[in-house]
N, C-alpha and C. Protein backbone atom coordinates (compact mmCIF):
# COMPACT_ATOMS: atom_id res chain seq x y z
N MET A 1 -16.85 -19.23 23.69
CA MET A 1 -15.41 -18.99 23.18
C MET A 1 -15.41 -17.99 22.07
N GLY A 2 -16.13 -18.41 20.69
CA GLY A 2 -16.11 -17.71 19.73
C GLY A 2 -17.40 -17.66 19.10
N HIS A 3 -18.02 -16.94 18.15
CA HIS A 3 -19.17 -16.85 17.60
C HIS A 3 -19.24 -18.00 16.47
N PRO A 4 -20.30 -18.57 16.30
CA PRO A 4 -20.32 -19.58 15.34
C PRO A 4 -20.04 -19.24 13.99
N VAL A 5 -19.41 -19.99 13.03
CA VAL A 5 -19.17 -19.82 11.84
C VAL A 5 -20.02 -20.89 10.91
N THR A 6 -20.35 -20.44 9.73
CA THR A 6 -21.08 -21.24 8.79
C THR A 6 -20.51 -21.51 7.52
N ALA A 7 -20.58 -22.71 7.09
CA ALA A 7 -19.97 -23.00 5.70
C ALA A 7 -21.26 -23.61 4.95
N THR A 8 -21.66 -23.01 3.88
CA THR A 8 -22.69 -23.29 2.92
C THR A 8 -22.11 -23.72 1.61
N ILE A 9 -22.40 -24.99 1.00
CA ILE A 9 -22.12 -25.34 -0.36
C ILE A 9 -23.22 -25.84 -1.03
N GLY A 10 -23.40 -25.44 -2.19
CA GLY A 10 -24.44 -25.84 -3.12
C GLY A 10 -23.93 -26.71 -4.11
N ARG A 11 -24.40 -26.85 -5.36
CA ARG A 11 -24.06 -27.80 -6.09
C ARG A 11 -22.45 -27.66 -6.74
N ASP A 12 -22.16 -26.28 -6.59
CA ASP A 12 -20.62 -25.87 -7.17
C ASP A 12 -19.67 -26.87 -6.69
N GLN A 13 -18.73 -27.13 -7.31
CA GLN A 13 -17.73 -27.95 -7.18
C GLN A 13 -16.52 -27.22 -6.69
N TYR A 14 -15.99 -26.95 -5.87
CA TYR A 14 -16.19 -27.11 -4.33
C TYR A 14 -16.33 -25.75 -3.59
N TYR A 15 -16.64 -24.61 -4.52
CA TYR A 15 -16.74 -23.31 -3.89
C TYR A 15 -17.75 -23.35 -2.81
N THR A 16 -17.28 -22.74 -1.60
CA THR A 16 -18.00 -22.94 -0.33
C THR A 16 -18.17 -21.53 0.11
N LYS A 17 -19.37 -20.94 0.66
CA LYS A 17 -19.40 -19.37 1.32
C LYS A 17 -19.38 -19.73 2.75
N LEU A 18 -18.42 -19.03 3.40
CA LEU A 18 -17.93 -18.89 4.82
C LEU A 18 -18.66 -17.86 5.62
N LYS A 19 -19.40 -17.76 6.62
CA LYS A 19 -19.98 -16.56 7.42
C LYS A 19 -19.33 -16.71 8.65
N ALA A 20 -19.02 -15.62 8.98
CA ALA A 20 -18.42 -15.21 10.49
C ALA A 20 -19.01 -13.86 10.83
N GLY A 21 -20.26 -13.74 11.53
CA GLY A 21 -20.79 -12.75 11.89
C GLY A 21 -21.24 -11.83 10.61
N ALA A 22 -20.79 -10.65 10.43
CA ALA A 22 -20.90 -9.89 9.49
C ALA A 22 -20.25 -10.20 8.11
N HIS A 23 -19.16 -10.91 8.39
CA HIS A 23 -18.18 -11.27 7.50
C HIS A 23 -18.33 -12.50 6.42
N THR A 24 -18.17 -12.38 5.17
CA THR A 24 -18.33 -13.49 4.26
C THR A 24 -16.89 -13.61 3.53
N VAL A 25 -16.38 -14.93 3.46
CA VAL A 25 -15.42 -15.12 2.52
C VAL A 25 -15.70 -16.53 2.01
N HIS A 26 -14.63 -16.97 1.29
CA HIS A 26 -15.05 -18.34 0.37
C HIS A 26 -13.97 -19.30 0.65
N ALA A 27 -14.13 -20.60 0.40
CA ALA A 27 -13.18 -21.57 0.37
C ALA A 27 -13.35 -22.30 -1.04
N ASP A 28 -12.33 -22.96 -1.47
CA ASP A 28 -12.17 -23.74 -2.58
C ASP A 28 -11.24 -24.65 -2.61
N GLU A 29 -11.30 -25.66 -3.58
CA GLU A 29 -10.07 -26.52 -3.72
C GLU A 29 -9.25 -26.23 -4.94
N PRO A 30 -8.22 -26.58 -5.14
CA PRO A 30 -7.49 -26.37 -6.61
C PRO A 30 -7.92 -27.14 -7.67
N LEU A 31 -7.55 -26.72 -8.93
CA LEU A 31 -7.93 -27.15 -10.13
C LEU A 31 -7.75 -28.79 -10.05
N GLU A 32 -6.46 -29.34 -9.40
CA GLU A 32 -6.09 -30.58 -9.52
C GLU A 32 -6.99 -31.55 -8.56
N ASN A 33 -7.63 -30.72 -7.61
CA ASN A 33 -8.58 -31.46 -6.87
C ASN A 33 -10.17 -31.47 -7.56
N GLY A 34 -10.38 -30.85 -8.57
CA GLY A 34 -11.71 -30.90 -9.07
C GLY A 34 -12.36 -29.27 -8.68
N GLY A 35 -11.73 -28.61 -7.96
CA GLY A 35 -12.27 -27.09 -7.83
C GLY A 35 -11.89 -26.28 -8.59
N LYS A 36 -12.11 -24.90 -8.43
CA LYS A 36 -11.99 -23.75 -9.61
C LYS A 36 -10.84 -22.96 -8.91
N ASP A 37 -10.27 -23.29 -7.83
CA ASP A 37 -9.34 -22.59 -7.23
C ASP A 37 -9.63 -20.96 -7.13
N LEU A 38 -10.80 -20.70 -6.69
CA LEU A 38 -11.47 -19.35 -6.62
C LEU A 38 -11.00 -18.77 -5.17
N ALA A 39 -10.56 -19.44 -4.20
CA ALA A 39 -10.36 -19.22 -2.86
C ALA A 39 -9.49 -20.28 -2.32
N PRO A 40 -8.89 -19.69 -1.10
CA PRO A 40 -8.15 -20.55 -0.25
C PRO A 40 -8.74 -22.04 0.09
N ARG A 41 -7.88 -22.93 0.31
CA ARG A 41 -8.34 -24.14 0.68
C ARG A 41 -8.69 -24.06 2.17
N PRO A 42 -9.58 -24.97 2.68
CA PRO A 42 -9.64 -25.10 4.28
C PRO A 42 -8.51 -25.21 5.10
N GLY A 43 -7.52 -26.00 4.83
CA GLY A 43 -6.20 -26.04 5.49
C GLY A 43 -5.45 -24.69 5.47
N GLU A 44 -5.90 -23.91 4.22
CA GLU A 44 -5.02 -22.51 4.35
C GLU A 44 -5.65 -21.66 5.42
N TYR A 45 -6.89 -21.84 5.56
CA TYR A 45 -7.56 -20.93 6.45
C TYR A 45 -6.97 -21.03 8.03
N LEU A 46 -6.78 -22.62 8.21
CA LEU A 46 -6.21 -22.77 9.39
C LEU A 46 -4.77 -22.22 9.55
N ARG A 47 -3.89 -22.44 8.57
CA ARG A 47 -2.57 -21.67 8.93
C ARG A 47 -2.76 -20.19 8.85
N MET A 48 -3.75 -19.72 8.19
CA MET A 48 -3.74 -18.18 8.33
C MET A 48 -4.43 -17.72 9.65
N ALA A 49 -5.21 -18.70 10.27
CA ALA A 49 -5.61 -18.47 11.66
C ALA A 49 -4.41 -18.31 12.40
N LEU A 50 -3.55 -19.15 12.55
CA LEU A 50 -2.35 -19.30 13.20
C LEU A 50 -1.46 -18.11 13.16
N ALA A 51 -1.20 -17.69 11.82
CA ALA A 51 -0.21 -16.57 11.36
C ALA A 51 -1.06 -15.37 11.76
N SER A 52 -2.25 -15.00 11.50
CA SER A 52 -2.94 -13.77 11.96
C SER A 52 -3.14 -13.56 13.42
N CYS A 53 -3.20 -14.63 14.10
CA CYS A 53 -3.35 -14.59 15.39
C CYS A 53 -2.15 -14.43 16.03
N THR A 54 -1.13 -14.95 15.71
CA THR A 54 0.27 -14.66 16.21
C THR A 54 0.65 -13.10 15.99
N ALA A 55 0.45 -12.81 14.77
CA ALA A 55 0.77 -11.34 14.36
C ALA A 55 -0.01 -10.28 15.23
N ILE A 56 -1.37 -10.44 15.39
CA ILE A 56 -2.15 -9.71 16.18
C ILE A 56 -1.90 -9.66 17.80
N THR A 57 -1.37 -10.91 18.26
CA THR A 57 -1.13 -10.78 19.62
C THR A 57 0.42 -10.38 19.98
N LEU A 58 1.10 -10.44 19.02
CA LEU A 58 2.49 -9.75 19.17
C LEU A 58 2.42 -8.29 19.06
N ARG A 59 1.59 -7.97 18.08
CA ARG A 59 1.39 -6.37 17.98
C ARG A 59 0.77 -5.71 19.25
N MET A 60 -0.31 -6.46 19.73
CA MET A 60 -0.80 -6.09 21.02
C MET A 60 0.12 -5.76 22.31
N TYR A 61 1.09 -6.82 22.27
CA TYR A 61 1.88 -6.93 23.40
C TYR A 61 3.03 -5.88 23.07
N ALA A 62 3.56 -5.87 21.83
CA ALA A 62 4.47 -4.66 21.74
C ALA A 62 4.06 -3.30 21.86
N ASN A 63 2.64 -3.12 21.36
CA ASN A 63 2.02 -1.91 21.72
C ASN A 63 1.73 -1.58 23.13
N ARG A 64 1.54 -2.40 23.92
CA ARG A 64 1.41 -2.35 25.53
C ARG A 64 2.55 -2.14 26.04
N LYS A 65 3.88 -2.57 25.66
CA LYS A 65 5.09 -2.32 26.12
C LYS A 65 5.54 -0.96 25.67
N GLY A 66 5.05 -0.60 24.66
CA GLY A 66 5.87 0.79 23.97
C GLY A 66 6.88 0.30 23.11
N TRP A 67 7.00 -0.81 22.72
CA TRP A 67 8.44 -1.31 22.14
C TRP A 67 8.28 -0.89 20.62
N ASP A 68 9.55 -0.59 20.05
CA ASP A 68 9.42 0.02 18.80
C ASP A 68 9.48 -1.16 17.82
N VAL A 69 8.38 -1.64 17.40
CA VAL A 69 8.06 -2.49 16.32
C VAL A 69 7.45 -2.06 15.26
N GLU A 70 8.10 -1.99 14.13
CA GLU A 70 7.41 -1.27 12.74
C GLU A 70 6.68 -2.22 12.15
N LYS A 71 6.99 -3.63 12.20
CA LYS A 71 6.23 -4.69 11.15
C LYS A 71 6.64 -5.85 11.92
N ILE A 72 5.41 -6.76 11.72
CA ILE A 72 5.52 -8.27 12.25
C ILE A 72 4.98 -8.99 10.96
N GLN A 73 5.84 -10.09 10.69
CA GLN A 73 5.36 -10.87 9.49
C GLN A 73 5.44 -12.38 10.06
N VAL A 74 4.24 -13.01 9.88
CA VAL A 74 4.35 -14.49 10.34
C VAL A 74 4.06 -15.38 9.21
N THR A 75 4.85 -16.42 8.95
CA THR A 75 4.55 -17.36 7.69
C THR A 75 4.30 -18.75 8.29
N VAL A 76 3.21 -19.29 8.03
CA VAL A 76 3.06 -20.60 8.75
C VAL A 76 2.89 -21.43 7.66
N SER A 77 3.58 -22.57 7.73
CA SER A 77 3.53 -23.88 6.64
C SER A 77 3.34 -25.14 7.52
N ASN A 78 2.78 -26.19 6.96
CA ASN A 78 2.94 -27.51 7.48
C ASN A 78 3.33 -28.54 6.77
N GLU A 79 3.71 -29.71 7.20
CA GLU A 79 4.01 -31.04 6.61
C GLU A 79 3.76 -32.10 7.36
N GLU A 80 3.92 -33.32 6.82
CA GLU A 80 3.80 -34.39 7.54
C GLU A 80 5.09 -34.96 7.92
N VAL A 81 5.42 -35.39 9.13
CA VAL A 81 6.71 -35.85 9.50
C VAL A 81 6.22 -37.06 10.47
N ASP A 82 6.81 -38.28 9.99
CA ASP A 82 6.56 -39.40 10.82
C ASP A 82 5.01 -39.51 11.36
N ASN A 83 4.27 -39.38 10.24
CA ASN A 83 2.79 -39.49 10.50
C ASN A 83 2.25 -38.56 11.35
N LYS A 84 2.80 -37.50 11.50
CA LYS A 84 2.39 -36.41 12.40
C LYS A 84 2.39 -35.08 11.89
N ASN A 85 1.24 -34.16 11.92
CA ASN A 85 1.38 -32.94 11.24
C ASN A 85 2.13 -32.09 11.87
N VAL A 86 3.28 -31.64 11.31
CA VAL A 86 3.88 -30.57 12.01
C VAL A 86 3.90 -29.01 11.25
N TYR A 87 3.47 -28.12 12.13
CA TYR A 87 3.36 -26.75 11.69
C TYR A 87 4.60 -25.93 12.07
N LYS A 88 4.88 -25.13 11.03
CA LYS A 88 6.22 -24.35 11.04
C LYS A 88 5.78 -22.96 11.00
N ARG A 89 6.19 -22.00 11.89
CA ARG A 89 5.66 -20.84 12.13
C ARG A 89 7.23 -19.83 12.01
N ASN A 90 7.21 -19.01 11.04
CA ASN A 90 8.42 -18.00 11.15
C ASN A 90 8.00 -16.71 11.19
N VAL A 91 8.35 -16.10 12.25
CA VAL A 91 8.03 -14.70 12.81
C VAL A 91 9.50 -13.90 12.52
N ILE A 92 8.90 -12.84 11.90
CA ILE A 92 10.06 -11.75 11.39
C ILE A 92 9.50 -10.40 11.87
N ILE A 93 10.35 -9.78 13.05
CA ILE A 93 10.12 -8.56 13.51
C ILE A 93 11.04 -7.43 13.22
N THR A 94 10.40 -6.54 12.47
CA THR A 94 11.28 -5.13 12.13
C THR A 94 11.14 -4.15 13.26
N GLY A 95 12.04 -3.77 13.75
CA GLY A 95 12.10 -2.55 14.60
C GLY A 95 13.39 -2.83 15.43
N THR A 96 13.38 -2.15 16.46
CA THR A 96 14.46 -1.83 17.45
C THR A 96 14.25 -2.80 18.65
N LEU A 97 14.68 -3.90 18.87
CA LEU A 97 14.45 -4.75 20.03
C LEU A 97 15.83 -5.27 20.43
N ASP A 98 16.05 -5.56 21.71
CA ASP A 98 17.16 -6.21 22.30
C ASP A 98 16.96 -7.68 22.36
N ASP A 99 18.14 -8.38 22.64
CA ASP A 99 17.75 -9.78 22.73
C ASP A 99 16.69 -10.07 23.66
N HIS A 100 16.64 -9.68 25.00
CA HIS A 100 15.55 -9.90 25.95
C HIS A 100 14.19 -9.60 25.42
N GLN A 101 13.93 -8.58 24.58
CA GLN A 101 12.45 -8.16 24.16
C GLN A 101 12.31 -9.33 23.00
N ARG A 102 13.30 -9.76 22.09
CA ARG A 102 13.02 -10.82 21.21
C ARG A 102 12.66 -12.06 21.72
N LYS A 103 13.27 -12.66 22.85
CA LYS A 103 12.88 -13.69 23.52
C LYS A 103 11.58 -13.66 24.22
N ARG A 104 11.09 -12.36 24.57
CA ARG A 104 9.92 -12.44 25.02
C ARG A 104 8.76 -12.45 24.18
N MET A 105 9.08 -11.70 22.89
CA MET A 105 8.26 -11.79 21.90
C MET A 105 7.96 -13.45 21.46
N LEU A 106 8.96 -14.26 21.34
CA LEU A 106 8.87 -15.65 21.10
C LEU A 106 8.03 -16.41 22.20
N GLN A 107 8.18 -15.95 23.32
CA GLN A 107 7.24 -16.45 24.35
C GLN A 107 5.95 -16.00 24.00
N ILE A 108 5.57 -14.81 23.68
CA ILE A 108 4.17 -14.36 23.55
C ILE A 108 3.51 -15.07 22.25
N ALA A 109 4.43 -14.97 21.11
CA ALA A 109 3.93 -15.86 20.23
C ALA A 109 3.26 -17.28 20.48
N ASN A 110 3.95 -17.83 21.32
CA ASN A 110 3.65 -19.20 21.74
C ASN A 110 2.22 -19.11 22.79
N ALA A 111 1.79 -17.99 22.91
CA ALA A 111 0.67 -17.78 24.01
C ALA A 111 -0.57 -17.38 23.14
N CYS A 112 -0.36 -17.26 21.89
CA CYS A 112 -1.68 -16.65 21.18
C CYS A 112 -2.67 -17.75 21.11
N PRO A 113 -4.00 -17.37 21.41
CA PRO A 113 -5.23 -18.16 21.40
C PRO A 113 -5.20 -19.43 20.67
N VAL A 114 -4.91 -19.22 19.29
CA VAL A 114 -5.08 -20.27 18.13
C VAL A 114 -3.87 -21.15 18.47
N HIS A 115 -2.63 -20.72 18.75
CA HIS A 115 -1.76 -21.59 19.13
C HIS A 115 -2.25 -22.66 20.29
N LYS A 116 -2.66 -21.91 21.32
CA LYS A 116 -3.10 -22.51 22.46
C LYS A 116 -4.05 -23.80 22.19
N ILE A 117 -5.16 -23.44 21.22
CA ILE A 117 -6.27 -24.36 20.79
C ILE A 117 -5.46 -25.40 19.97
N LEU A 118 -4.48 -25.09 19.09
CA LEU A 118 -3.73 -26.33 18.34
C LEU A 118 -2.79 -27.08 18.96
N THR A 119 -2.35 -26.72 20.03
CA THR A 119 -1.53 -27.55 20.74
C THR A 119 -1.98 -28.09 22.12
N ASN A 120 -3.15 -28.13 22.30
CA ASN A 120 -3.83 -28.85 23.42
C ASN A 120 -5.10 -29.80 22.76
N PRO A 121 -5.33 -30.78 23.43
CA PRO A 121 -6.38 -31.87 22.78
C PRO A 121 -7.51 -31.17 22.36
N ILE A 122 -8.27 -31.55 21.22
CA ILE A 122 -9.41 -30.95 20.68
C ILE A 122 -10.37 -32.08 20.55
N GLU A 123 -11.43 -31.54 20.85
CA GLU A 123 -12.62 -32.60 20.86
C GLU A 123 -13.68 -32.02 19.90
N ILE A 124 -14.35 -32.68 18.83
CA ILE A 124 -15.11 -32.23 18.02
C ILE A 124 -16.48 -32.91 18.27
N GLU A 125 -17.58 -32.38 18.52
CA GLU A 125 -18.87 -33.06 18.53
C GLU A 125 -19.61 -32.58 17.26
N THR A 126 -20.11 -33.61 16.49
CA THR A 126 -20.81 -33.32 15.21
C THR A 126 -22.31 -33.85 15.37
N LEU A 127 -23.22 -32.95 15.06
CA LEU A 127 -24.57 -33.32 15.17
C LEU A 127 -25.30 -33.17 13.57
N LEU A 128 -26.06 -34.02 13.33
CA LEU A 128 -26.53 -34.12 11.66
C LEU A 128 -27.82 -33.51 12.08
N SER A 129 -28.36 -32.47 11.33
CA SER A 129 -29.91 -31.83 11.45
C SER A 129 -30.23 -31.86 10.17
N THR A 130 -31.58 -31.71 9.92
CA THR A 130 -32.11 -31.61 8.80
C THR A 130 -32.94 -29.92 8.64
N ASP A 131 -33.01 -29.47 7.58
CA ASP A 131 -33.59 -28.15 7.27
C ASP A 131 -35.05 -28.15 8.08
């Protein structure tokens, strides 16, 4: 499906290097959790994945259709409601779209690959290896 990503942490409290192909980013925890707040928290990356995937998917669709979309902004937050993690996604589309086009963009937002992953059963297999 996707290329593997690698997280590496040394003795730093909790600054972690993340590698995805040729790209390197970092994760950390806020000061109140013992980190140094030098990078986003891991859960923020999950929200960023959903937000960016939604924006990119909508941009691809609007471009393919030739629709007048100047800007797409996607904000994702989450909260726990009745022992369930609820993600809230707000999509703002700037451009000239009619009601039918806006409804279609909402359908397309729900079809982005990360949305599909998060709304279907997920199984995680964990292996412990040594150097």
